[in-house]
Amino acid sequence: MKEIYFQVLLAEFKKQFQNINSIKTKISTLKPTNEDKLINLAYTIHNFYCSVEDLLKIIASYFENQIKSADQFHKELLRKMTLTIDTIRPNVINNESYILLLEILSFRHIFRHAYNYNLQGDKVVDLQKKIISGWENLSKDLLLFQKFIESK
């Protein structure tokens, strides 16, 4: 039974990782040369964060992570993913990935809730560059966690 449990988690993990990687690839290719393209980039960054968070929620649902505070759910989920929980699971992300994801989360919050907010192109492009440069570290974290799942 335990083996089936981890096989399902592994299948879900791999599928979601493919989604994240696909969105990251799109982020790498976008060039915000006008407002419409800037909005497209911002929307894609939003989707990138949501996709990563969906993967973290999948992991949390298979392990011990109950997050009680609805208003701090997103930050609490990220924080819990930095923890190594003895005999349960290793950390999913390291501190560098955590900091990057917190920054993307802040952007996602503004993008999603500030309806009259005019996007600042330089900040969106800066975040795009941070995602591109931080992807190697974040993907390494996630693939290490995948190896943990595969070892079960």
Protein backbone atom coordinates (compact mmCIF):
# COMPACT_ATOMS: atom_id res chain seq x y z
CA MET A 1 0.00 0.00 0.00
CA LYS A 2 2.78 2.42 0.93
CA GLU A 3 4.45 1.82 -2.45
CA ILE A 4 1.25 2.74 -4.33
CA TYR A 5 0.93 5.88 -2.19
CA PHE A 6 4.39 7.08 -3.23
CA GLN A 7 3.88 6.07 -6.87
CA VAL A 8 0.80 8.29 -7.04
CA LEU A 9 2.72 11.14 -5.40
CA LEU A 10 5.59 10.63 -7.86
CA ALA A 11 3.24 10.70 -10.86
CA GLU A 12 1.57 13.88 -9.62
CA PHE A 13 4.95 15.44 -8.82
CA LYS A 14 6.38 14.71 -12.28
CA LYS A 15 3.30 16.06 -14.07
CA GLN A 16 3.33 19.28 -12.08
CA PHE A 17 7.09 19.70 -12.49
CA GLN A 18 6.59 19.46 -16.27
CA ASN A 19 3.98 22.23 -16.04
CA ILE A 20 6.33 24.43 -14.03
CA ASN A 21 9.21 23.82 -16.43
CA SER A 22 7.01 24.63 -19.41
CA ILE A 23 5.92 27.94 -17.85
CA LYS A 24 9.51 28.78 -16.93
CA THR A 25 10.53 28.15 -20.56
CA LYS A 26 7.83 30.56 -21.69
CA ILE A 27 9.06 33.18 -19.18
CA SER A 28 12.55 32.83 -20.65
CA THR A 29 11.34 33.60 -24.16
CA LEU A 30 9.00 36.52 -23.49
CA LYS A 31 10.21 39.99 -24.41
CA PRO A 32 7.95 42.72 -23.01
CA THR A 33 8.38 45.28 -25.79
CA ASN A 34 4.94 46.83 -25.29
CA GLU A 35 2.21 46.95 -22.64
CA ASP A 36 0.35 43.88 -23.95
CA LYS A 37 3.52 41.81 -23.89
CA LEU A 38 4.34 43.12 -20.40
CA ILE A 39 0.91 42.03 -19.19
CA ASN A 40 1.48 38.63 -20.81
CA LEU A 41 4.82 38.29 -19.00
CA ALA A 42 3.25 39.34 -15.69
CA TYR A 43 0.44 36.82 -16.17
CA THR A 44 2.96 34.09 -16.97
CA ILE A 45 4.98 34.92 -13.84
CA HIS A 46 1.73 34.71 -11.87
CA ASN A 47 1.08 31.28 -13.42
CA PHE A 48 4.62 30.17 -12.62
CA TYR A 49 4.13 30.91 -8.93
CA CYS A 50 0.69 29.27 -8.85
CA SER A 51 2.12 26.18 -10.53
CA VAL A 52 4.98 25.92 -8.02
CA GLU A 53 2.53 26.44 -5.16
CA ASP A 54 0.27 23.71 -6.56
CA LEU A 55 3.24 21.32 -6.47
CA LEU A 56 3.98 22.30 -2.86
CA LYS A 57 0.33 21.73 -1.95
CA ILE A 58 0.51 18.26 -3.51
CA ILE A 59 3.55 17.48 -1.36
CA ALA A 60 1.89 18.92 1.74
CA SER A 61 -1.21 16.83 1.16
CA TYR A 62 0.86 13.63 1.16
CA PHE A 63 2.78 14.45 4.32
CA GLU A 64 2.17 16.19 7.63
CA ASN A 65 1.71 19.78 6.61
CA GLN A 66 -1.48 21.21 7.93
CA ILE A 67 -1.59 24.95 7.57
CA LYS A 68 -4.05 26.50 9.94
CA SER A 69 -3.83 30.21 9.20
CA ALA A 70 -5.89 30.96 6.09
CA ASP A 71 -4.63 34.54 5.83
CA GLN A 72 -0.98 33.40 5.94
CA PHE A 73 -1.47 30.17 3.97
CA HIS A 74 0.88 30.97 1.09
CA LYS A 75 3.79 32.16 3.23
CA GLU A 76 3.28 29.36 5.74
CA LEU A 77 3.29 26.75 2.98
CA LEU A 78 6.58 28.11 1.64
CA ARG A 79 8.10 28.21 5.14
CA LYS A 80 7.07 24.63 5.89
CA MET A 81 8.66 23.45 2.66
CA THR A 82 12.05 24.65 3.97
CA LEU A 83 11.81 22.32 6.96
CA THR A 84 13.37 18.90 7.23
CA ILE A 85 10.99 16.79 9.27
CA ASP A 86 12.84 13.87 10.82
CA THR A 87 11.58 10.44 9.75
CA ILE A 88 8.95 12.08 7.50
CA ARG A 89 10.63 14.01 4.68
CA PRO A 90 13.58 16.26 3.84
CA ASN A 91 13.17 19.93 3.06
CA VAL A 92 11.66 20.53 -0.36
CA ILE A 93 13.28 23.91 -1.03
CA ASN A 94 16.38 25.60 0.33
CA ASN A 95 16.58 29.14 1.67
CA GLU A 96 17.59 30.64 -1.68
CA SER A 97 14.52 29.14 -3.40
CA TYR A 98 12.36 30.23 -0.47
CA ILE A 99 13.46 33.86 -0.85
CA LEU A 100 12.83 33.78 -4.62
CA LEU A 101 9.38 32.26 -4.16
CA LEU A 102 8.47 34.83 -1.49
CA GLU A 103 9.32 37.60 -3.95
CA ILE A 104 7.23 36.00 -6.68
CA LEU A 105 4.40 35.49 -4.18
CA SER A 106 4.45 39.22 -3.33
CA PHE A 107 4.24 40.05 -7.02
CA ARG A 108 1.43 37.53 -7.54
CA HIS A 109 -0.54 39.12 -4.71
CA ILE A 110 -0.26 42.59 -6.24
CA PHE A 111 -0.99 41.30 -9.74
CA ARG A 112 -4.06 39.42 -8.54
CA HIS A 113 -5.55 42.01 -6.17
CA ALA A 114 -4.50 45.51 -7.25
CA TYR A 115 -6.94 46.10 -10.07
CA ASN A 116 -5.91 49.70 -10.76
CA TYR A 117 -2.22 48.93 -10.46
CA ASN A 118 -0.11 49.87 -13.44
CA LEU A 119 2.61 47.31 -13.99
CA GLN A 120 6.11 48.67 -13.64
CA GLY A 121 7.97 47.18 -16.57
CA ASP A 122 11.40 47.33 -14.98
CA LYS A 123 10.18 45.43 -11.89
CA VAL A 124 8.46 42.76 -13.98
CA VAL A 125 11.57 42.31 -16.14
CA ASP A 126 13.74 42.20 -13.00
CA LEU A 127 11.55 39.43 -11.60
CA GLN A 128 11.72 37.62 -14.95
CA LYS A 129 15.54 37.69 -14.72
CA LYS A 130 15.44 36.44 -11.12
CA ILE A 131 13.22 33.52 -12.11
CA ILE A 132 15.50 32.62 -15.01
CA SER A 133 18.64 32.80 -12.87
CA GLY A 134 17.00 31.14 -9.85
CA TRP A 135 15.48 28.29 -11.85
CA GLU A 136 18.63 26.15 -11.70
CA ASN A 137 18.58 26.23 -7.90
CA LEU A 138 14.81 25.77 -7.57
CA SER A 139 14.70 22.93 -10.09
CA LYS A 140 17.65 21.27 -8.33
CA ASP A 141 15.71 21.44 -5.05
CA LEU A 142 12.62 19.95 -6.62
CA LEU A 143 14.52 17.20 -8.43
CA LEU A 144 16.28 16.25 -5.19
CA PHE A 145 12.89 15.91 -3.57
CA GLN A 146 11.76 13.79 -6.51
CA LYS A 147 14.69 11.45 -5.80
CA PHE A 148 13.50 11.20 -2.20
CA ILE A 149 10.03 10.15 -3.42
CA GLU A 150 11.57 7.64 -5.83
CA SER A 151 13.53 6.09 -2.96
CA LYS A 152 10.32 5.24 -1.07
